[in-house]
Amino acid sequence: MSIKVKFFARMRDEAGRSDGEVEYVKGMSTADLWSKLVKDVDYPESVMLAVNMEYVSGEVVLNDGDEVAFFPPVTGG
């Protein structure tokens, strides 16, 4: 029972890794997941998330076997 995690761009820099895996705990949210893997950086207020390759908004409660990707916000210019 686990959740796979991927970090991209600035999120990778903040996490100090490009991926990881944590044991699934019922009721675990994306913020809980961040806290387990990134000890010294608060959960970012502006973060893009994908759960199982589908973009989601806000904090999401996860299921066993999910894959979560953290992306920095994207802006145009």
PDB file of N, CA and C in Angstrom:
ATOM      1  N   MET A   1       0.843  -1.170   0.000  1.00  0.00           N
ATOM      2  CA  MET A   1       0.000   0.000   0.000  1.00  0.00           C
ATOM      3  C   MET A   1       0.894   1.240   0.000  1.00  0.00           C
ATOM      4  N   SER A   2       0.927   1.933  -1.119  1.00  0.00           N
ATOM      5  CA  SER A   2       1.815   3.095  -1.195  1.00  0.00           C
ATOM      6  C   SER A   2       1.294   4.113  -2.195  1.00  0.00           C
ATOM      7  N   ILE A   3       1.876   5.300  -2.106  1.00  0.00           N
ATOM      8  CA  ILE A   3       1.605   6.412  -3.014  1.00  0.00           C
ATOM      9  C   ILE A   3       2.931   6.784  -3.666  1.00  0.00           C
ATOM     10  N   LYS A   4       2.928   6.892  -4.985  1.00  0.00           N
ATOM     11  CA  LYS A   4       4.127   7.319  -5.705  1.00  0.00           C
ATOM     12  C   LYS A   4       4.041   8.829  -5.916  1.00  0.00           C
ATOM     13  N   VAL A   5       5.201   9.485  -5.844  1.00  0.00           N
ATOM     14  CA  VAL A   5       5.249  10.941  -5.923  1.00  0.00           C
ATOM     15  C   VAL A   5       6.330  11.374  -6.895  1.00  0.00           C
ATOM     16  N   LYS A   6       6.022  12.415  -7.671  1.00  0.00           N
ATOM     17  CA  LYS A   6       7.010  13.027  -8.564  1.00  0.00           C
ATOM     18  C   LYS A   6       7.009  14.526  -8.328  1.00  0.00           C
ATOM     19  N   PHE A   7       8.208  15.104  -8.339  1.00  0.00           N
ATOM     20  CA  PHE A   7       8.379  16.544  -8.165  1.00  0.00           C
ATOM     21  C   PHE A   7       9.021  17.109  -9.422  1.00  0.00           C
ATOM     22  N   PHE A   8       8.524  18.261  -9.875  1.00  0.00           N
ATOM     23  CA  PHE A   8       9.050  18.877 -11.086  1.00  0.00           C
ATOM     24  C   PHE A   8       9.498  20.306 -10.825  1.00  0.00           C
ATOM     25  N   ALA A   9      10.567  20.709 -11.544  1.00  0.00           N
ATOM     26  CA  ALA A   9      11.102  22.080 -11.539  1.00  0.00           C
ATOM     27  C   ALA A   9      11.383  22.562 -10.112  1.00  0.00           C
ATOM     28  N   ARG A  10      10.840  23.702  -9.730  1.00  0.00           N
ATOM     29  CA  ARG A  10      11.109  24.285  -8.413  1.00  0.00           C
ATOM     30  C   ARG A  10      10.659  23.360  -7.278  1.00  0.00           C
ATOM     31  N   MET A  11       9.589  22.607  -7.495  1.00  0.00           N
ATOM     32  CA  MET A  11       9.122  21.672  -6.467  1.00  0.00           C
ATOM     33  C   MET A  11      10.187  20.602  -6.201  1.00  0.00           C
ATOM     34  N   ARG A  12      10.870  20.193  -7.251  1.00  0.00           N
ATOM     35  CA  ARG A  12      11.966  19.219  -7.115  1.00  0.00           C
ATOM     36  C   ARG A  12      13.090  19.827  -6.287  1.00  0.00           C
ATOM     37  N   ASP A  13      13.406  21.088  -6.532  1.00  0.00           N
ATOM     38  CA  ASP A  13      14.450  21.768  -5.774  1.00  0.00           C
ATOM     39  C   ASP A  13      14.076  21.872  -4.293  1.00  0.00           C
ATOM     40  N   GLU A  14      12.827  22.221  -4.012  1.00  0.00           N
ATOM     41  CA  GLU A  14      12.382  22.356  -2.631  1.00  0.00           C
ATOM     42  C   GLU A  14      12.355  21.006  -1.917  1.00  0.00           C
ATOM     43  N   ALA A  15      11.963  19.956  -2.639  1.00  0.00           N
ATOM     44  CA  ALA A  15      11.879  18.618  -2.043  1.00  0.00           C
ATOM     45  C   ALA A  15      13.254  17.969  -1.921  1.00  0.00           C
ATOM     46  N   GLY A  16      14.194  18.420  -2.761  1.00  0.00           N
ATOM     47  CA  GLY A  16      15.522  17.817  -2.748  1.00  0.00           C
ATOM     48  C   GLY A  16      15.553  16.439  -3.383  1.00  0.00           C
ATOM     49  N   ARG A  17      14.561  16.162  -4.199  1.00  0.00           N
ATOM     50  CA  ARG A  17      14.475  14.867  -4.903  1.00  0.00           C
ATOM     51  C   ARG A  17      13.505  15.002  -6.071  1.00  0.00           C
ATOM     52  N   SER A  18      13.582  14.067  -6.997  1.00  0.00           N
ATOM     53  CA  SER A  18      12.673  14.108  -8.144  1.00  0.00           C
ATOM     54  C   SER A  18      11.478  13.175  -7.974  1.00  0.00           C
ATOM     55  N   ASP A  19      11.603  12.192  -7.092  1.00  0.00           N
ATOM     56  CA  ASP A  19      10.481  11.282  -6.868  1.00  0.00           C
ATOM     57  C   ASP A  19      10.590  10.646  -5.493  1.00  0.00           C
ATOM     58  N   GLY A  20       9.589   9.894  -5.145  1.00  0.00           N
ATOM     59  CA  GLY A  20       9.578   9.218  -3.864  1.00  0.00           C
ATOM     60  C   GLY A  20       8.366   8.313  -3.759  1.00  0.00           C
ATOM     61  N   GLU A  21       8.280   7.641  -2.650  1.00  0.00           N
ATOM     62  CA  GLU A  21       7.151   6.755  -2.402  1.00  0.00           C
ATOM     63  C   GLU A  21       6.921   6.735  -0.893  1.00  0.00           C
ATOM     64  N   VAL A  22       5.669   6.820  -0.492  1.00  0.00           N
ATOM     65  CA  VAL A  22       5.331   6.772   0.927  1.00  0.00           C
ATOM     66  C   VAL A  22       4.241   5.739   1.151  1.00  0.00           C
ATOM     67  N   GLU A  23       4.213   5.224   2.356  1.00  0.00           N
ATOM     68  CA  GLU A  23       3.179   4.266   2.715  1.00  0.00           C
ATOM     69  C   GLU A  23       1.843   4.993   2.788  1.00  0.00           C
ATOM     70  N   TYR A  24       0.820   4.393   2.197  1.00  0.00           N
ATOM     71  CA  TYR A  24      -0.512   4.977   2.203  1.00  0.00           C
ATOM     72  C   TYR A  24      -1.142   4.864   3.584  1.00  0.00           C
ATOM     73  N   VAL A  25      -1.766   5.955   4.016  1.00  0.00           N
ATOM     74  CA  VAL A  25      -2.534   5.983   5.255  1.00  0.00           C
ATOM     75  C   VAL A  25      -3.917   6.510   4.891  1.00  0.00           C
ATOM     76  N   LYS A  26      -4.958   5.816   5.297  1.00  0.00           N
ATOM     77  CA  LYS A  26      -6.318   6.222   4.961  1.00  0.00           C
ATOM     78  C   LYS A  26      -6.559   7.670   5.380  1.00  0.00           C
ATOM     79  N   GLY A  27      -7.145   8.449   4.489  1.00  0.00           N
ATOM     80  CA  GLY A  27      -7.432   9.857   4.749  1.00  0.00           C
ATOM     81  C   GLY A  27      -6.288  10.797   4.427  1.00  0.00           C
ATOM     82  N   MET A  28      -5.167  10.265   3.939  1.00  0.00           N
ATOM     83  CA  MET A  28      -4.002  11.081   3.603  1.00  0.00           C
ATOM     84  C   MET A  28      -4.349  12.076   2.495  1.00  0.00           C
ATOM     85  N   SER A  29      -3.910  13.311   2.689  1.00  0.00           N
ATOM     86  CA  SER A  29      -4.142  14.347   1.682  1.00  0.00           C
ATOM     87  C   SER A  29      -2.827  14.701   0.982  1.00  0.00           C
ATOM     88  N   THR A  30      -2.935  15.514  -0.039  1.00  0.00           N
ATOM     89  CA  THR A  30      -1.729  15.949  -0.743  1.00  0.00           C
ATOM     90  C   THR A  30      -0.831  16.765   0.190  1.00  0.00           C
ATOM     91  N   ALA A  31      -1.415  17.539   1.101  1.00  0.00           N
ATOM     92  CA  ALA A  31      -0.608  18.300   2.067  1.00  0.00           C
ATOM     93  C   ALA A  31       0.104  17.355   3.031  1.00  0.00           C
ATOM     94  N   ASP A  32      -0.589  16.297   3.464  1.00  0.00           N
ATOM     95  CA  ASP A  32       0.045  15.304   4.339  1.00  0.00           C
ATOM     96  C   ASP A  32       1.217  14.641   3.628  1.00  0.00           C
ATOM     97  N   LEU A  33       1.007  14.329   2.363  1.00  0.00           N
ATOM     98  CA  LEU A  33       2.041  13.693   1.556  1.00  0.00           C
ATOM     99  C   LEU A  33       3.269  14.597   1.462  1.00  0.00           C
ATOM    100  N   TRP A  34       3.058  15.875   1.165  1.00  0.00           N
ATOM    101  CA  TRP A  34       4.151  16.842   1.097  1.00  0.00           C
ATOM    102  C   TRP A  34       4.911  16.864   2.423  1.00  0.00           C
ATOM    103  N   SER A  35       4.182  16.924   3.527  1.00  0.00           N
ATOM    104  CA  SER A  35       4.809  16.995   4.853  1.00  0.00           C
ATOM    105  C   SER A  35       5.665  15.771   5.167  1.00  0.00           C
ATOM    106  N   LYS A  36       5.250  14.611   4.692  1.00  0.00           N
ATOM    107  CA  LYS A  36       6.025  13.392   4.930  1.00  0.00           C
ATOM    108  C   LYS A  36       7.343  13.404   4.159  1.00  0.00           C
ATOM    109  N   LEU A  37       7.332  13.999   2.969  1.00  0.00           N
ATOM    110  CA  LEU A  37       8.508  13.949   2.099  1.00  0.00           C
ATOM    111  C   LEU A  37       9.380  15.193   2.159  1.00  0.00           C
ATOM    112  N   VAL A  38       8.799  16.330   2.502  1.00  0.00           N
ATOM    113  CA  VAL A  38       9.541  17.596   2.491  1.00  0.00           C
ATOM    114  C   VAL A  38       9.457  18.189   3.896  1.00  0.00           C
ATOM    115  N   LYS A  39      10.485  17.970   4.667  1.00  0.00           N
ATOM    116  CA  LYS A  39      10.450  18.313   6.091  1.00  0.00           C
ATOM    117  C   LYS A  39      10.625  19.805   6.385  1.00  0.00           C
ATOM    118  N   ASP A  40      11.432  20.511   5.622  1.00  0.00           N
ATOM    119  CA  ASP A  40      11.794  21.882   5.983  1.00  0.00           C
ATOM    120  C   ASP A  40      11.085  22.964   5.175  1.00  0.00           C
ATOM    121  N   VAL A  41      10.117  22.583   4.343  1.00  0.00           N
ATOM    122  CA  VAL A  41       9.421  23.561   3.510  1.00  0.00           C
ATOM    123  C   VAL A  41       7.923  23.356   3.679  1.00  0.00           C
ATOM    124  N   ASP A  42       7.203  24.442   4.030  1.00  0.00           N
ATOM    125  CA  ASP A  42       5.750  24.356   4.178  1.00  0.00           C
ATOM    126  C   ASP A  42       5.088  23.988   2.852  1.00  0.00           C
ATOM    127  N   TYR A  43       3.914  23.381   2.951  1.00  0.00           N
ATOM    128  CA  TYR A  43       3.131  23.041   1.759  1.00  0.00           C
ATOM    129  C   TYR A  43       2.873  24.325   0.975  1.00  0.00           C
ATOM    130  N   PRO A  44       3.269  24.356  -0.293  1.00  0.00           N
ATOM    131  CA  PRO A  44       3.139  25.588  -1.075  1.00  0.00           C
ATOM    132  C   PRO A  44       1.678  25.957  -1.327  1.00  0.00           C
ATOM    133  N   GLU A  45       1.361  27.240  -1.138  1.00  0.00           N
ATOM    134  CA  GLU A  45      -0.009  27.705  -1.375  1.00  0.00           C
ATOM    135  C   GLU A  45      -0.367  27.639  -2.852  1.00  0.00           C
ATOM    136  N   SER A  46       0.581  27.978  -3.686  1.00  0.00           N
ATOM    137  CA  SER A  46       0.315  27.943  -5.131  1.00  0.00           C
ATOM    138  C   SER A  46       1.118  26.794  -5.734  1.00  0.00           C
ATOM    139  N   VAL A  47       0.447  25.678  -5.896  1.00  0.00           N
ATOM    140  CA  VAL A  47       1.081  24.490  -6.461  1.00  0.00           C
ATOM    141  C   VAL A  47       0.098  23.870  -7.438  1.00  0.00           C
ATOM    142  N   MET A  48       0.608  23.330  -8.509  1.00  0.00           N
ATOM    143  CA  MET A  48      -0.227  22.566  -9.437  1.00  0.00           C
ATOM    144  C   MET A  48      -0.051  21.097  -9.087  1.00  0.00           C
ATOM    145  N   LEU A  49      -1.154  20.369  -9.104  1.00  0.00           N
ATOM    146  CA  LEU A  49      -1.140  18.962  -8.749  1.00  0.00           C
ATOM    147  C   LEU A  49      -1.750  18.116  -9.846  1.00  0.00           C
ATOM    148  N   ALA A  50      -1.206  16.938 -10.011  1.00  0.00           N
ATOM    149  CA  ALA A  50      -1.834  15.928 -10.856  1.00  0.00           C
ATOM    150  C   ALA A  50      -1.906  14.652 -10.025  1.00  0.00           C
ATOM    151  N   VAL A  51      -3.074  14.031 -10.016  1.00  0.00           N
ATOM    152  CA  VAL A  51      -3.254  12.746  -9.356  1.00  0.00           C
ATOM    153  C   VAL A  51      -3.638  11.757 -10.442  1.00  0.00           C
ATOM    154  N   ASN A  52      -2.820  10.746 -10.603  1.00  0.00           N
ATOM    155  CA  ASN A  52      -3.018   9.747 -11.658  1.00  0.00           C
ATOM    156  C   ASN A  52      -3.124  10.390 -13.036  1.00  0.00           C
ATOM    157  N   MET A  53      -2.240  11.370 -13.253  1.00  0.00           N
ATOM    158  CA  MET A  53      -2.085  12.060 -14.536  1.00  0.00           C
ATOM    159  C   MET A  53      -3.280  12.937 -14.911  1.00  0.00           C
ATOM    160  N   GLU A  54      -4.099  13.306 -13.912  1.00  0.00           N
ATOM    161  CA  GLU A  54      -5.226  14.221 -14.115  1.00  0.00           C
ATOM    162  C   GLU A  54      -5.001  15.422 -13.208  1.00  0.00           C
ATOM    163  N   TYR A  55      -5.025  16.631 -13.790  1.00  0.00           N
ATOM    164  CA  TYR A  55      -4.851  17.821 -12.963  1.00  0.00           C
ATOM    165  C   TYR A  55      -6.020  17.957 -12.000  1.00  0.00           C
ATOM    166  N   VAL A  56      -5.684  18.343 -10.774  1.00  0.00           N
ATOM    167  CA  VAL A  56      -6.690  18.562  -9.734  1.00  0.00           C
ATOM    168  C   VAL A  56      -6.399  19.908  -9.093  1.00  0.00           C
ATOM    169  N   SER A  57      -7.383  20.462  -8.403  1.00  0.00           N
ATOM    170  CA  SER A  57      -7.152  21.735  -7.726  1.00  0.00           C
ATOM    171  C   SER A  57      -7.368  21.572  -6.233  1.00  0.00           C
ATOM    172  N   GLY A  58      -6.652  22.381  -5.473  1.00  0.00           N
ATOM    173  CA  GLY A  58      -6.780  22.346  -4.030  1.00  0.00           C
ATOM    174  C   GLY A  58      -6.186  21.095  -3.413  1.00  0.00           C
ATOM    175  N   GLU A  59      -6.441  20.943  -2.137  1.00  0.00           N
ATOM    176  CA  GLU A  59      -5.948  19.784  -1.403  1.00  0.00           C
ATOM    177  C   GLU A  59      -6.868  18.597  -1.707  1.00  0.00           C
ATOM    178  N   VAL A  60      -6.285  17.447  -1.962  1.00  0.00           N
ATOM    179  CA  VAL A  60      -7.034  16.266  -2.379  1.00  0.00           C
ATOM    180  C   VAL A  60      -6.753  15.115  -1.419  1.00  0.00           C
ATOM    181  N   VAL A  61      -7.797  14.359  -1.066  1.00  0.00           N
ATOM    182  CA  VAL A  61      -7.614  13.140  -0.275  1.00  0.00           C
ATOM    183  C   VAL A  61      -7.246  12.027  -1.248  1.00  0.00           C
ATOM    184  N   LEU A  62      -6.212  11.283  -0.902  1.00  0.00           N
ATOM    185  CA  LEU A  62      -5.639  10.288  -1.811  1.00  0.00           C
ATOM    186  C   LEU A  62      -6.133   8.881  -1.522  1.00  0.00           C
ATOM    187  N   ASN A  63      -5.931   8.000  -2.511  1.00  0.00           N
ATOM    188  CA  ASN A  63      -6.267   6.584  -2.398  1.00  0.00           C
ATOM    189  C   ASN A  63      -5.001   5.755  -2.560  1.00  0.00           C
ATOM    190  N   ASP A  64      -5.035   4.556  -2.019  1.00  0.00           N
ATOM    191  CA  ASP A  64      -3.909   3.643  -2.162  1.00  0.00           C
ATOM    192  C   ASP A  64      -3.586   3.437  -3.638  1.00  0.00           C
ATOM    193  N   GLY A  65      -2.320   3.494  -3.972  1.00  0.00           N
ATOM    194  CA  GLY A  65      -1.874   3.272  -5.336  1.00  0.00           C
ATOM    195  C   GLY A  65      -1.848   4.506  -6.212  1.00  0.00           C
ATOM    196  N   ASP A  66      -2.289   5.653  -5.690  1.00  0.00           N
ATOM    197  CA  ASP A  66      -2.274   6.885  -6.478  1.00  0.00           C
ATOM    198  C   ASP A  66      -0.846   7.296  -6.817  1.00  0.00           C
ATOM    199  N   GLU A  67      -0.728   8.047  -7.892  1.00  0.00           N
ATOM    200  CA  GLU A  67       0.527   8.698  -8.254  1.00  0.00           C
ATOM    201  C   GLU A  67       0.260  10.193  -8.250  1.00  0.00           C
ATOM    202  N   VAL A  68       1.068  10.930  -7.506  1.00  0.00           N
ATOM    203  CA  VAL A  68       0.875  12.369  -7.348  1.00  0.00           C
ATOM    204  C   VAL A  68       2.080  13.097  -7.913  1.00  0.00           C
ATOM    205  N   ALA A  69       1.809  14.155  -8.674  1.00  0.00           N
ATOM    206  CA  ALA A  69       2.880  14.989  -9.219  1.00  0.00           C
ATOM    207  C   ALA A  69       2.675  16.423  -8.738  1.00  0.00           C
ATOM    208  N   PHE A  70       3.753  17.021  -8.246  1.00  0.00           N
ATOM    209  CA  PHE A  70       3.756  18.411  -7.793  1.00  0.00           C
ATOM    210  C   PHE A  70       4.484  19.258  -8.832  1.00  0.00           C
ATOM    211  N   PHE A  71       3.818  20.314  -9.312  1.00  0.00           N
ATOM    212  CA  PHE A  71       4.392  21.229 -10.295  1.00  0.00           C
ATOM    213  C   PHE A  71       4.336  22.655  -9.745  1.00  0.00           C
ATOM    214  N   PRO A  72       5.296  23.503 -10.070  1.00  0.00           N
ATOM    215  CA  PRO A  72       5.166  24.912  -9.689  1.00  0.00           C
ATOM    216  C   PRO A  72       4.097  25.556 -10.567  1.00  0.00           C
ATOM    217  N   PRO A  73       3.511  26.655 -10.090  1.00  0.00           N
ATOM    218  CA  PRO A  73       2.530  27.340 -10.930  1.00  0.00           C
ATOM    219  C   PRO A  73       3.176  27.828 -12.222  1.00  0.00           C
ATOM    220  N   VAL A  74       2.413  27.846 -13.267  1.00  0.00           N
ATOM    221  CA  VAL A  74       2.914  28.254 -14.579  1.00  0.00           C
ATOM    222  C   VAL A  74       2.308  29.595 -14.937  1.00  0.00           C
ATOM    223  N   THR A  75       3.150  30.497 -15.418  1.00  0.00           N
ATOM    224  CA  THR A  75       2.661  31.800 -15.857  1.00  0.00           C
ATOM    225  C   THR A  75       3.127  32.051 -17.270  1.00  0.00           C
ATOM    226  N   GLY A  76       2.366  32.829 -17.973  1.00  0.00           N
ATOM    227  CA  GLY A  76       2.737  33.186 -19.344  1.00  0.00           C
ATOM    228  C   GLY A  76       3.454  34.506 -19.363  1.00  0.00           C
ATOM    229  N   GLY A  77       3.957  34.845 -20.512  1.00  0.00           N
ATOM    230  CA  GLY A  77       4.634  36.135 -20.559  1.00  0.00           C
ATOM    231  C   GLY A  77       4.858  36.599 -21.954  1.00  0.00           C
TER     232      GLY A  77
END
